[in-house]
Amino acid sequence: MAELQSEPALTPAQIGVDVKDGVVTLTGQVDSFTAKWGAESAAKRVAGMMALAVEMEVRLPGTIQRADRDIARSVCNVLSWMPHFPQDAIGVTCEKGWVTLSGEVQWKYQRESAHAAVRQLMGVLGTSNQILIKPASAASLAKDEIEAALNDQAHVDAKDILVSIHGAEVTLSGNVHSIAERYQAKNSVWRSPGVNNVIDHLTVS
């Protein structure tokens, strides 16, 4: 509840929280997808959380409900204004307020910035980010550099994480102490040039 109160876009009184055996369940009703995303992000920051179940409903006020074609047009417009993408690199589908992004980009930050821009648009009820990451060149991945990145960027003990590399694919296994550490570890690997996939076999313990 303290983490929810730290999110400016949320009204914590609208959100129910249940915790059992490390599994957090969020319930209730919010008035935007941004609020739902914020609640999920806040819950993932809590140490000791083993899993997250999201049973929240996004119910838009009548004044901001929009037709799918209008949402899709807004998504295309906002992506065209972003300098990170080649022309027509990302495909857009909108069905009943749910936006699906597809296509290919070279870097994870491009994938995430597209998703971040879209989920804040008026009328969006949910998103599915299916954009693939395909680096322009097949840079050789160094295991010691990735392990160093885990220590420096993710602030986790790399000796507890096993790094396995196959081509441009990195597999992480071993133990972390929270879901927050798990996400930080994956994100630090994604920052390494040449990575086009991260397989997560990490265990929260």
N, C-alpha and C. Protein backbone atom coordinates (compact mmCIF):
# COMPACT_ATOMS: atom_id res chain seq x y z
N MET A 1 0.83 -1.20 0.00
CA MET A 1 0.00 0.00 0.00
C MET A 1 0.87 1.26 0.00
N ALA A 2 2.01 1.21 0.70
CA ALA A 2 2.92 2.36 0.71
C ALA A 2 3.47 2.64 -0.68
N GLU A 3 3.79 1.59 -1.43
CA GLU A 3 4.29 1.77 -2.80
C GLU A 3 3.21 2.35 -3.71
N LEU A 4 1.97 1.92 -3.54
CA LEU A 4 0.87 2.45 -4.34
C LEU A 4 0.68 3.94 -4.06
N GLN A 5 0.83 4.34 -2.80
CA GLN A 5 0.67 5.74 -2.44
C GLN A 5 1.78 6.61 -3.00
N SER A 6 2.92 5.99 -3.35
CA SER A 6 4.03 6.76 -3.91
C SER A 6 3.86 7.04 -5.40
N GLU A 7 2.86 6.41 -6.03
CA GLU A 7 2.61 6.61 -7.46
C GLU A 7 1.62 7.76 -7.64
N PRO A 8 2.05 8.87 -8.26
CA PRO A 8 1.16 10.04 -8.36
C PRO A 8 -0.08 9.81 -9.21
N ALA A 9 -0.05 8.84 -10.13
CA ALA A 9 -1.19 8.63 -11.02
C ALA A 9 -2.27 7.77 -10.37
N LEU A 10 -2.04 7.29 -9.16
CA LEU A 10 -2.96 6.35 -8.54
C LEU A 10 -3.79 6.97 -7.42
N THR A 11 -4.97 6.38 -7.25
CA THR A 11 -5.79 6.65 -6.07
C THR A 11 -5.86 5.33 -5.31
N PRO A 12 -4.98 5.13 -4.32
CA PRO A 12 -4.88 3.82 -3.67
C PRO A 12 -6.19 3.28 -3.12
N ALA A 13 -7.11 4.17 -2.75
CA ALA A 13 -8.38 3.70 -2.20
C ALA A 13 -9.18 2.89 -3.21
N GLN A 14 -8.88 3.04 -4.51
CA GLN A 14 -9.60 2.30 -5.55
C GLN A 14 -9.02 0.90 -5.75
N ILE A 15 -7.89 0.60 -5.11
CA ILE A 15 -7.17 -0.64 -5.39
C ILE A 15 -7.15 -1.52 -4.14
N GLY A 16 -7.54 -2.78 -4.31
CA GLY A 16 -7.46 -3.74 -3.22
C GLY A 16 -6.18 -4.54 -3.32
N VAL A 17 -5.59 -4.86 -2.19
CA VAL A 17 -4.33 -5.62 -2.14
C VAL A 17 -4.51 -6.83 -1.23
N ASP A 18 -4.15 -8.00 -1.76
CA ASP A 18 -4.16 -9.22 -0.96
C ASP A 18 -2.81 -9.91 -1.14
N VAL A 19 -2.25 -10.38 -0.04
CA VAL A 19 -0.95 -11.06 -0.08
C VAL A 19 -1.06 -12.39 0.64
N LYS A 20 -0.63 -13.46 -0.04
CA LYS A 20 -0.62 -14.78 0.57
C LYS A 20 0.56 -15.57 0.03
N ASP A 21 1.42 -16.01 0.92
CA ASP A 21 2.60 -16.81 0.55
C ASP A 21 3.45 -16.12 -0.51
N GLY A 22 3.59 -14.80 -0.41
CA GLY A 22 4.42 -14.07 -1.35
C GLY A 22 3.74 -13.73 -2.65
N VAL A 23 2.50 -14.17 -2.86
CA VAL A 23 1.76 -13.87 -4.09
C VAL A 23 0.87 -12.65 -3.82
N VAL A 24 1.08 -11.59 -4.60
CA VAL A 24 0.32 -10.34 -4.43
C VAL A 24 -0.79 -10.30 -5.47
N THR A 25 -2.02 -10.04 -5.03
CA THR A 25 -3.16 -9.89 -5.93
C THR A 25 -3.68 -8.46 -5.83
N LEU A 26 -3.77 -7.81 -6.98
CA LEU A 26 -4.32 -6.46 -7.05
C LEU A 26 -5.72 -6.53 -7.66
N THR A 27 -6.67 -5.90 -6.99
CA THR A 27 -8.04 -5.87 -7.48
C THR A 27 -8.53 -4.42 -7.49
N GLY A 28 -9.74 -4.24 -8.00
CA GLY A 28 -10.32 -2.91 -8.01
C GLY A 28 -10.52 -2.37 -9.41
N GLN A 29 -10.80 -1.10 -9.48
CA GLN A 29 -11.13 -0.45 -10.75
C GLN A 29 -10.38 0.87 -10.85
N VAL A 30 -9.73 1.10 -12.00
CA VAL A 30 -9.02 2.36 -12.24
C VAL A 30 -9.55 2.97 -13.52
N ASP A 31 -9.26 4.28 -13.72
CA ASP A 31 -9.86 4.99 -14.85
C ASP A 31 -8.92 5.16 -16.04
N SER A 32 -7.75 4.48 -16.02
CA SER A 32 -6.84 4.54 -17.17
C SER A 32 -5.89 3.36 -17.14
N PHE A 33 -5.36 3.02 -18.30
CA PHE A 33 -4.37 1.96 -18.37
C PHE A 33 -3.07 2.40 -17.72
N THR A 34 -2.77 3.70 -17.78
CA THR A 34 -1.58 4.23 -17.12
C THR A 34 -1.62 3.95 -15.62
N ALA A 35 -2.79 4.12 -15.01
CA ALA A 35 -2.94 3.84 -13.58
C ALA A 35 -2.75 2.35 -13.29
N LYS A 36 -3.29 1.51 -14.14
CA LYS A 36 -3.11 0.06 -13.95
C LYS A 36 -1.65 -0.31 -14.05
N TRP A 37 -0.97 0.23 -15.05
CA TRP A 37 0.46 -0.06 -15.23
C TRP A 37 1.26 0.44 -14.04
N GLY A 38 0.90 1.61 -13.53
CA GLY A 38 1.60 2.16 -12.37
C GLY A 38 1.43 1.29 -11.14
N ALA A 39 0.23 0.74 -10.96
CA ALA A 39 0.00 -0.15 -9.81
C ALA A 39 0.82 -1.42 -9.93
N GLU A 40 0.89 -1.99 -11.13
CA GLU A 40 1.71 -3.18 -11.34
C GLU A 40 3.18 -2.89 -11.06
N SER A 41 3.67 -1.76 -11.58
CA SER A 41 5.08 -1.39 -11.39
C SER A 41 5.40 -1.18 -9.91
N ALA A 42 4.46 -0.55 -9.19
CA ALA A 42 4.67 -0.31 -7.77
C ALA A 42 4.76 -1.63 -7.01
N ALA A 43 3.87 -2.56 -7.32
CA ALA A 43 3.87 -3.85 -6.63
C ALA A 43 5.16 -4.63 -6.89
N LYS A 44 5.69 -4.53 -8.10
CA LYS A 44 6.91 -5.27 -8.45
C LYS A 44 8.14 -4.75 -7.71
N ARG A 45 8.06 -3.55 -7.16
CA ARG A 45 9.21 -3.00 -6.44
C ARG A 45 9.32 -3.52 -5.01
N VAL A 46 8.32 -4.23 -4.53
CA VAL A 46 8.29 -4.67 -3.14
C VAL A 46 9.14 -5.92 -2.97
N ALA A 47 10.12 -5.85 -2.09
CA ALA A 47 10.98 -7.00 -1.83
C ALA A 47 10.19 -8.14 -1.22
N GLY A 48 10.51 -9.36 -1.64
CA GLY A 48 9.85 -10.55 -1.09
C GLY A 48 8.65 -11.02 -1.89
N MET A 49 8.22 -10.23 -2.89
CA MET A 49 7.09 -10.65 -3.71
C MET A 49 7.53 -11.77 -4.66
N MET A 50 6.79 -12.87 -4.64
CA MET A 50 7.13 -14.03 -5.47
C MET A 50 6.40 -14.00 -6.81
N ALA A 51 5.18 -13.50 -6.82
CA ALA A 51 4.38 -13.47 -8.04
C ALA A 51 3.31 -12.40 -7.90
N LEU A 52 2.81 -11.95 -9.06
CA LEU A 52 1.80 -10.88 -9.09
C LEU A 52 0.61 -11.31 -9.92
N ALA A 53 -0.58 -11.25 -9.34
CA ALA A 53 -1.83 -11.50 -10.05
C ALA A 53 -2.58 -10.18 -10.17
N VAL A 54 -2.93 -9.80 -11.39
CA VAL A 54 -3.59 -8.52 -11.62
C VAL A 54 -5.04 -8.78 -12.02
N GLU A 55 -5.95 -8.44 -11.13
CA GLU A 55 -7.38 -8.61 -11.38
C GLU A 55 -8.08 -7.25 -11.41
N MET A 56 -7.32 -6.23 -11.79
CA MET A 56 -7.86 -4.88 -11.86
C MET A 56 -8.57 -4.66 -13.18
N GLU A 57 -9.58 -3.81 -13.16
CA GLU A 57 -10.34 -3.48 -14.36
C GLU A 57 -10.12 -2.02 -14.72
N VAL A 58 -9.86 -1.79 -16.00
CA VAL A 58 -9.78 -0.41 -16.50
C VAL A 58 -11.15 -0.02 -17.02
N ARG A 59 -11.77 0.97 -16.40
CA ARG A 59 -13.09 1.44 -16.83
C ARG A 59 -12.98 2.93 -17.12
N LEU A 60 -12.97 3.26 -18.40
CA LEU A 60 -12.78 4.65 -18.81
C LEU A 60 -14.03 5.47 -18.58
N PRO A 61 -13.88 6.71 -18.11
CA PRO A 61 -15.04 7.61 -18.06
C PRO A 61 -15.60 7.81 -19.46
N GLY A 62 -16.88 8.04 -19.55
CA GLY A 62 -17.54 8.18 -20.86
C GLY A 62 -16.94 9.25 -21.73
N THR A 63 -16.36 10.27 -21.11
CA THR A 63 -15.82 11.40 -21.88
C THR A 63 -14.54 11.06 -22.63
N ILE A 64 -13.84 9.95 -22.25
CA ILE A 64 -12.58 9.64 -22.93
C ILE A 64 -12.62 8.30 -23.65
N GLN A 65 -13.80 7.71 -23.80
CA GLN A 65 -13.91 6.49 -24.60
C GLN A 65 -13.77 6.86 -26.07
N ARG A 66 -13.02 6.03 -26.80
CA ARG A 66 -12.72 6.35 -28.20
C ARG A 66 -12.89 5.11 -29.07
N ALA A 67 -13.18 5.34 -30.35
CA ALA A 67 -13.28 4.25 -31.31
C ALA A 67 -11.88 3.70 -31.61
N ASP A 68 -11.83 2.43 -31.98
CA ASP A 68 -10.54 1.79 -32.26
C ASP A 68 -9.77 2.52 -33.36
N ARG A 69 -10.46 2.97 -34.38
CA ARG A 69 -9.77 3.64 -35.49
C ARG A 69 -9.11 4.94 -35.02
N ASP A 70 -9.77 5.63 -34.08
CA ASP A 70 -9.18 6.88 -33.56
C ASP A 70 -7.96 6.59 -32.69
N ILE A 71 -8.04 5.51 -31.89
CA ILE A 71 -6.90 5.12 -31.07
C ILE A 71 -5.72 4.72 -31.95
N ALA A 72 -6.00 3.91 -32.98
CA ALA A 72 -4.94 3.45 -33.88
C ALA A 72 -4.28 4.63 -34.58
N ARG A 73 -5.09 5.61 -34.98
CA ARG A 73 -4.53 6.80 -35.64
C ARG A 73 -3.62 7.58 -34.68
N SER A 74 -4.04 7.68 -33.43
CA SER A 74 -3.21 8.38 -32.44
C SER A 74 -1.90 7.64 -32.19
N VAL A 75 -1.97 6.31 -32.14
CA VAL A 75 -0.75 5.52 -31.94
C VAL A 75 0.23 5.75 -33.09
N CYS A 76 -0.27 5.69 -34.31
CA CYS A 76 0.60 5.91 -35.48
C CYS A 76 1.21 7.31 -35.45
N ASN A 77 0.42 8.30 -35.04
CA ASN A 77 0.92 9.67 -34.98
C ASN A 77 2.04 9.82 -33.96
N VAL A 78 1.82 9.27 -32.75
CA VAL A 78 2.82 9.45 -31.70
C VAL A 78 4.11 8.70 -32.04
N LEU A 79 4.00 7.55 -32.69
CA LEU A 79 5.20 6.82 -33.10
C LEU A 79 5.95 7.56 -34.20
N SER A 80 5.22 8.22 -35.09
CA SER A 80 5.87 8.96 -36.18
C SER A 80 6.63 10.18 -35.67
N TRP A 81 6.24 10.68 -34.50
CA TRP A 81 6.93 11.84 -33.93
C TRP A 81 8.19 11.45 -33.16
N MET A 82 8.37 10.16 -32.90
CA MET A 82 9.53 9.71 -32.12
C MET A 82 10.72 9.49 -33.05
N PRO A 83 11.90 9.98 -32.68
CA PRO A 83 13.05 9.92 -33.58
C PRO A 83 13.77 8.59 -33.59
N HIS A 84 13.29 7.61 -32.78
CA HIS A 84 14.07 6.39 -32.57
C HIS A 84 13.83 5.31 -33.62
N PHE A 85 12.82 5.48 -34.47
CA PHE A 85 12.41 4.36 -35.31
C PHE A 85 12.51 4.70 -36.80
N PRO A 86 12.91 3.72 -37.62
CA PRO A 86 12.81 3.90 -39.07
C PRO A 86 11.33 4.00 -39.47
N GLN A 87 11.08 4.59 -40.62
CA GLN A 87 9.72 4.74 -41.10
C GLN A 87 9.05 3.38 -41.25
N ASP A 88 7.84 3.25 -40.73
CA ASP A 88 7.03 2.04 -40.84
C ASP A 88 7.70 0.83 -40.18
N ALA A 89 8.54 1.03 -39.15
CA ALA A 89 9.20 -0.10 -38.49
C ALA A 89 8.24 -0.86 -37.58
N ILE A 90 7.19 -0.18 -37.10
CA ILE A 90 6.30 -0.77 -36.11
C ILE A 90 4.88 -0.86 -36.65
N GLY A 91 4.30 -2.07 -36.53
CA GLY A 91 2.92 -2.28 -36.92
C GLY A 91 1.99 -2.05 -35.75
N VAL A 92 0.78 -1.59 -36.03
CA VAL A 92 -0.18 -1.24 -34.98
C VAL A 92 -1.52 -1.92 -35.27
N THR A 93 -2.06 -2.59 -34.24
CA THR A 93 -3.40 -3.16 -34.32
C THR A 93 -4.17 -2.74 -33.07
N CYS A 94 -5.42 -2.33 -33.25
CA CYS A 94 -6.24 -1.94 -32.10
C CYS A 94 -7.59 -2.66 -32.18
N GLU A 95 -7.94 -3.35 -31.12
CA GLU A 95 -9.21 -4.07 -31.05
C GLU A 95 -9.83 -3.89 -29.68
N LYS A 96 -10.99 -3.26 -29.63
CA LYS A 96 -11.71 -3.02 -28.38
C LYS A 96 -10.84 -2.31 -27.35
N GLY A 97 -10.06 -1.34 -27.82
CA GLY A 97 -9.24 -0.54 -26.94
C GLY A 97 -7.89 -1.15 -26.59
N TRP A 98 -7.63 -2.37 -27.08
CA TRP A 98 -6.37 -3.06 -26.77
C TRP A 98 -5.43 -2.88 -27.96
N VAL A 99 -4.26 -2.31 -27.71
CA VAL A 99 -3.30 -2.00 -28.77
C VAL A 99 -2.19 -3.05 -28.80
N THR A 100 -1.93 -3.62 -29.97
CA THR A 100 -0.83 -4.56 -30.17
C THR A 100 0.22 -3.92 -31.07
N LEU A 101 1.46 -3.92 -30.60
CA LEU A 101 2.58 -3.39 -31.37
C LEU A 101 3.41 -4.56 -31.90
N SER A 102 3.82 -4.48 -33.16
CA SER A 102 4.64 -5.53 -33.77
C SER A 102 5.74 -4.87 -34.60
N GLY A 103 6.61 -5.68 -35.18
CA GLY A 103 7.70 -5.15 -35.99
C GLY A 103 9.05 -5.48 -35.40
N GLU A 104 10.09 -4.81 -35.88
CA GLU A 104 11.46 -5.08 -35.44
C GLU A 104 12.20 -3.77 -35.20
N VAL A 105 12.99 -3.74 -34.12
CA VAL A 105 13.88 -2.61 -33.83
C VAL A 105 15.24 -3.17 -33.45
N GLN A 106 16.24 -2.30 -33.33
CA GLN A 106 17.59 -2.75 -33.05
C GLN A 106 17.92 -2.78 -31.57
N TRP A 107 17.21 -1.99 -30.75
CA TRP A 107 17.57 -1.86 -29.35
C TRP A 107 16.34 -2.00 -28.46
N LYS A 108 16.59 -2.47 -27.23
CA LYS A 108 15.49 -2.63 -26.27
C LYS A 108 14.87 -1.29 -25.90
N TYR A 109 15.70 -0.22 -25.80
CA TYR A 109 15.13 1.07 -25.41
C TYR A 109 14.11 1.56 -26.44
N GLN A 110 14.30 1.19 -27.73
CA GLN A 110 13.33 1.55 -28.76
C GLN A 110 12.01 0.83 -28.51
N ARG A 111 12.10 -0.44 -28.19
CA ARG A 111 10.91 -1.25 -27.91
C ARG A 111 10.15 -0.68 -26.71
N GLU A 112 10.90 -0.35 -25.65
CA GLU A 112 10.26 0.11 -24.43
C GLU A 112 9.71 1.54 -24.56
N SER A 113 10.41 2.40 -25.29
CA SER A 113 9.92 3.77 -25.44
C SER A 113 8.65 3.80 -26.28
N ALA A 114 8.53 2.93 -27.27
CA ALA A 114 7.29 2.84 -28.05
C ALA A 114 6.14 2.41 -27.16
N HIS A 115 6.38 1.41 -26.34
CA HIS A 115 5.35 0.90 -25.44
C HIS A 115 4.94 1.97 -24.43
N ALA A 116 5.93 2.68 -23.88
CA ALA A 116 5.64 3.70 -22.88
C ALA A 116 4.78 4.82 -23.45
N ALA A 117 5.07 5.21 -24.70
CA ALA A 117 4.30 6.29 -25.33
C ALA A 117 2.86 5.88 -25.59
N VAL A 118 2.66 4.63 -26.00
CA VAL A 118 1.33 4.17 -26.39
C VAL A 118 0.44 3.95 -25.18
N ARG A 119 0.98 3.41 -24.11
CA ARG A 119 0.11 3.07 -22.97
C ARG A 119 -0.45 4.30 -22.27
N GLN A 120 0.07 5.49 -22.57
CA GLN A 120 -0.44 6.70 -21.95
C GLN A 120 -1.52 7.41 -22.79
N LEU A 121 -1.80 6.88 -23.98
CA LEU A 121 -2.76 7.54 -24.85
C LEU A 121 -4.20 7.39 -24.34
N MET A 122 -4.98 8.41 -24.55
CA MET A 122 -6.37 8.40 -24.11
C MET A 122 -7.15 7.31 -24.84
N GLY A 123 -7.93 6.53 -24.09
CA GLY A 123 -8.77 5.50 -24.67
C GLY A 123 -8.16 4.12 -24.68
N VAL A 124 -6.86 3.99 -24.42
CA VAL A 124 -6.20 2.68 -24.44
C VAL A 124 -6.57 1.90 -23.18
N LEU A 125 -7.04 0.66 -23.38
CA LEU A 125 -7.42 -0.20 -22.26
C LEU A 125 -6.33 -1.20 -21.90
N GLY A 126 -5.44 -1.48 -22.83
CA GLY A 126 -4.37 -2.44 -22.58
C GLY A 126 -3.43 -2.48 -23.76
N THR A 127 -2.25 -3.09 -23.56
CA THR A 127 -1.27 -3.17 -24.64
C THR A 127 -0.62 -4.54 -24.67
N SER A 128 -0.17 -4.92 -25.86
CA SER A 128 0.62 -6.13 -26.05
C SER A 128 1.83 -5.75 -26.89
N ASN A 129 3.01 -5.82 -26.28
CA ASN A 129 4.23 -5.39 -26.95
C ASN A 129 4.91 -6.59 -27.59
N GLN A 130 4.69 -6.77 -28.89
CA GLN A 130 5.26 -7.90 -29.62
C GLN A 130 6.39 -7.47 -30.56
N ILE A 131 6.97 -6.30 -30.30
CA ILE A 131 8.09 -5.81 -31.11
C ILE A 131 9.31 -6.68 -30.84
N LEU A 132 9.97 -7.14 -31.89
CA LEU A 132 11.16 -7.97 -31.77
C LEU A 132 12.41 -7.10 -31.80
N ILE A 133 13.45 -7.57 -31.12
CA ILE A 133 14.73 -6.87 -31.12
C ILE A 133 15.71 -7.66 -31.99
N LYS A 134 16.18 -7.02 -33.06
CA LYS A 134 17.15 -7.64 -33.95
C LYS A 134 18.29 -6.66 -34.21
N PRO A 135 19.43 -6.85 -33.53
CA PRO A 135 20.56 -5.93 -33.71
C PRO A 135 21.01 -5.88 -35.17
N ALA A 136 21.52 -4.72 -35.57
CA ALA A 136 21.98 -4.54 -36.96
C ALA A 136 23.15 -5.45 -37.28
N SER A 137 24.04 -5.67 -36.30
CA SER A 137 25.19 -6.54 -36.52
C SER A 137 25.24 -7.59 -35.44
N ALA A 138 25.77 -8.74 -35.79
CA ALA A 138 25.85 -9.84 -34.84
C ALA A 138 27.13 -9.70 -34.03
N ALA A 139 27.11 -8.81 -33.04
CA ALA A 139 28.28 -8.62 -32.19
C ALA A 139 28.47 -9.84 -31.30
N SER A 140 29.71 -10.27 -31.11
CA SER A 140 29.97 -11.41 -30.25
C SER A 140 29.76 -11.01 -28.80
N LEU A 141 29.07 -11.85 -28.06
CA LEU A 141 28.74 -11.55 -26.67
C LEU A 141 29.80 -12.13 -25.75
N ALA A 142 30.27 -11.32 -24.81
CA ALA A 142 31.29 -11.75 -23.85
C ALA A 142 30.63 -12.02 -22.51
N LYS A 143 30.79 -13.24 -22.00
CA LYS A 143 30.15 -13.64 -20.74
C LYS A 143 30.63 -12.77 -19.59
N ASP A 144 31.94 -12.47 -19.54
CA ASP A 144 32.45 -11.68 -18.42
C ASP A 144 31.90 -10.26 -18.43
N GLU A 145 31.64 -9.70 -19.62
CA GLU A 145 31.08 -8.35 -19.71
C GLU A 145 29.63 -8.33 -19.22
N ILE A 146 28.88 -9.38 -19.54
CA ILE A 146 27.49 -9.45 -19.09
C ILE A 146 27.45 -9.64 -17.57
N GLU A 147 28.33 -10.46 -17.03
CA GLU A 147 28.37 -10.65 -15.58
C GLU A 147 28.76 -9.34 -14.88
N ALA A 148 29.69 -8.60 -15.49
CA ALA A 148 30.07 -7.30 -14.91
C ALA A 148 28.90 -6.33 -14.93
N ALA A 149 28.10 -6.38 -16.03
CA ALA A 149 26.93 -5.51 -16.12
C ALA A 149 25.91 -5.86 -15.05
N LEU A 150 25.78 -7.13 -14.72
CA LEU A 150 24.85 -7.54 -13.66
C LEU A 150 25.26 -6.92 -12.33
N ASN A 151 26.56 -6.92 -12.06
CA ASN A 151 27.04 -6.33 -10.80
C ASN A 151 26.90 -4.82 -10.79
N ASP A 152 27.23 -4.18 -11.92
CA ASP A 152 27.29 -2.71 -11.95
C ASP A 152 25.92 -2.07 -12.12
N GLN A 153 25.08 -2.66 -13.00
CA GLN A 153 23.82 -2.02 -13.36
C GLN A 153 22.65 -2.58 -12.60
N ALA A 154 22.62 -3.88 -12.39
CA ALA A 154 21.47 -4.50 -11.73
C ALA A 154 21.65 -4.56 -10.21
N HIS A 155 22.89 -4.35 -9.73
CA HIS A 155 23.17 -4.38 -8.30
C HIS A 155 22.76 -5.72 -7.69
N VAL A 156 23.04 -6.80 -8.44
CA VAL A 156 22.83 -8.14 -7.91
C VAL A 156 24.17 -8.86 -7.90
N ASP A 157 24.27 -9.90 -7.08
CA ASP A 157 25.51 -10.65 -6.97
C ASP A 157 25.58 -11.65 -8.11
N ALA A 158 26.49 -11.41 -9.06
CA ALA A 158 26.55 -12.24 -10.26
C ALA A 158 26.90 -13.69 -9.95
N LYS A 159 27.53 -13.94 -8.79
CA LYS A 159 27.88 -15.33 -8.47
C LYS A 159 26.64 -16.19 -8.22
N ASP A 160 25.52 -15.55 -7.93
CA ASP A 160 24.27 -16.28 -7.73
C ASP A 160 23.50 -16.49 -9.03
N ILE A 161 24.01 -15.90 -10.13
CA ILE A 161 23.33 -15.99 -11.42
C ILE A 161 24.24 -16.66 -12.44
N LEU A 162 23.73 -17.68 -13.09
CA LEU A 162 24.47 -18.38 -14.14
C LEU A 162 24.11 -17.78 -15.49
N VAL A 163 25.13 -17.35 -16.22
CA VAL A 163 24.93 -16.75 -17.53
C VAL A 163 25.36 -17.76 -18.60
N SER A 164 24.44 -18.03 -19.53
CA SER A 164 24.73 -18.94 -20.64
C SER A 164 24.44 -18.22 -21.95
N ILE A 165 25.36 -18.31 -22.91
CA ILE A 165 25.24 -17.59 -24.17
C ILE A 165 25.19 -18.57 -25.33
N HIS A 166 24.20 -18.37 -26.19
CA HIS A 166 24.10 -19.16 -27.43
C HIS A 166 23.79 -18.21 -28.56
N GLY A 167 24.81 -17.89 -29.36
CA GLY A 167 24.63 -16.90 -30.42
C GLY A 167 24.34 -15.54 -29.82
N ALA A 168 23.20 -14.96 -30.19
CA ALA A 168 22.79 -13.65 -29.65
C ALA A 168 21.77 -13.80 -28.54
N GLU A 169 21.63 -15.02 -28.02
CA GLU A 169 20.65 -15.30 -26.98
C GLU A 169 21.35 -15.56 -25.64
N VAL A 170 20.86 -14.91 -24.59
CA VAL A 170 21.43 -15.05 -23.25
C VAL A 170 20.40 -15.70 -22.33
N THR A 171 20.81 -16.75 -21.61
CA THR A 171 19.94 -17.41 -20.65
C THR A 171 20.46 -17.12 -19.25
N LEU A 172 19.55 -16.67 -18.37
CA LEU A 172 19.88 -16.41 -16.97
C LEU A 172 19.21 -17.45 -16.10
N SER A 173 19.97 -18.05 -15.20
CA SER A 173 19.40 -18.98 -14.23
C SER A 173 20.08 -18.74 -12.89
N GLY A 174 19.51 -19.32 -11.83
CA GLY A 174 20.04 -19.09 -10.49
C GLY A 174 19.01 -18.39 -9.63
N ASN A 175 19.49 -17.70 -8.59
CA ASN A 175 18.58 -17.13 -7.58
C ASN A 175 18.74 -15.62 -7.46
N VAL A 176 17.61 -14.94 -7.25
CA VAL A 176 17.58 -13.52 -6.87
C VAL A 176 16.65 -13.40 -5.67
N HIS A 177 16.67 -12.21 -5.04
CA HIS A 177 15.94 -12.06 -3.79
C HIS A 177 14.55 -11.44 -3.95
N SER A 178 14.26 -10.92 -5.13
CA SER A 178 12.95 -10.29 -5.33
C SER A 178 12.66 -10.22 -6.82
N ILE A 179 11.38 -9.98 -7.14
CA ILE A 179 11.01 -9.79 -8.54
C ILE A 179 11.67 -8.53 -9.08
N ALA A 180 11.84 -7.53 -8.23
CA ALA A 180 12.53 -6.31 -8.67
C ALA A 180 13.95 -6.61 -9.14
N GLU A 181 14.68 -7.45 -8.39
CA GLU A 181 16.03 -7.85 -8.80
C GLU A 181 15.99 -8.64 -10.10
N ARG A 182 14.96 -9.44 -10.25
CA ARG A 182 14.82 -10.25 -11.47
C ARG A 182 14.68 -9.35 -12.70
N TYR A 183 13.85 -8.32 -12.61
CA TYR A 183 13.68 -7.39 -13.72
C TYR A 183 14.95 -6.58 -13.97
N GLN A 184 15.63 -6.18 -12.90
CA GLN A 184 16.86 -5.42 -13.06
C GLN A 184 17.93 -6.25 -13.75
N ALA A 185 18.02 -7.53 -13.40
CA ALA A 185 19.00 -8.40 -14.04
C ALA A 185 18.73 -8.55 -15.53
N LYS A 186 17.47 -8.78 -15.88
CA LYS A 186 17.12 -8.92 -17.30
C LYS A 186 17.40 -7.63 -18.07
N ASN A 187 17.05 -6.49 -17.48
CA ASN A 187 17.25 -5.22 -18.17
C ASN A 187 18.73 -4.92 -18.38
N SER A 188 19.57 -5.30 -17.42
CA SER A 188 21.00 -5.04 -17.58
C SER A 188 21.58 -5.86 -18.72
N VAL A 189 21.09 -7.09 -18.90
CA VAL A 189 21.55 -7.92 -20.02
C VAL A 189 21.08 -7.34 -21.35
N TRP A 190 19.85 -6.84 -21.39
CA TRP A 190 19.33 -6.26 -22.62
C TRP A 190 20.16 -5.07 -23.08
N ARG A 191 20.83 -4.38 -22.16
CA ARG A 191 21.63 -3.22 -22.54
C ARG A 191 22.92 -3.60 -23.26
N SER A 192 23.30 -4.87 -23.20
CA SER A 192 24.53 -5.31 -23.85
C SER A 192 24.34 -5.35 -25.36
N PRO A 193 25.22 -4.70 -26.14
CA PRO A 193 25.09 -4.70 -27.60
C PRO A 193 25.11 -6.13 -28.16
N GLY A 194 24.23 -6.39 -29.12
CA GLY A 194 24.20 -7.68 -29.78
C GLY A 194 23.19 -8.66 -29.23
N VAL A 195 22.61 -8.37 -28.07
CA VAL A 195 21.62 -9.29 -27.47
C VAL A 195 20.28 -9.13 -28.18
N ASN A 196 19.72 -10.25 -28.66
CA ASN A 196 18.39 -10.16 -29.28
C ASN A 196 17.35 -11.00 -28.56
N ASN A 197 17.76 -11.70 -27.49
CA ASN A 197 16.77 -12.42 -26.70
C ASN A 197 17.36 -12.74 -25.33
N VAL A 198 16.55 -12.64 -24.28
CA VAL A 198 16.96 -13.01 -22.93
C VAL A 198 15.95 -14.02 -22.41
N ILE A 199 16.44 -15.21 -22.07
CA ILE A 199 15.59 -16.27 -21.51
C ILE A 199 15.75 -16.25 -19.99
N ASP A 200 14.65 -16.11 -19.30
CA ASP A 200 14.66 -15.92 -17.84
C ASP A 200 14.29 -17.22 -17.15
N HIS A 201 15.31 -17.87 -16.54
CA HIS A 201 15.08 -19.05 -15.71
C HIS A 201 15.43 -18.74 -14.24
N LEU A 202 15.41 -17.46 -13.88
CA LEU A 202 15.75 -17.05 -12.52
C LEU A 202 14.66 -17.45 -11.54
N THR A 203 15.07 -17.76 -10.32
CA THR A 203 14.15 -18.12 -9.25
C THR A 203 14.22 -17.08 -8.15
N VAL A 204 13.08 -16.61 -7.69
CA VAL A 204 13.03 -15.68 -6.58
C VAL A 204 13.01 -16.46 -5.28
N SER A 205 14.01 -16.24 -4.43
CA SER A 205 14.06 -17.00 -3.17
C SER A 205 14.60 -16.12 -2.06
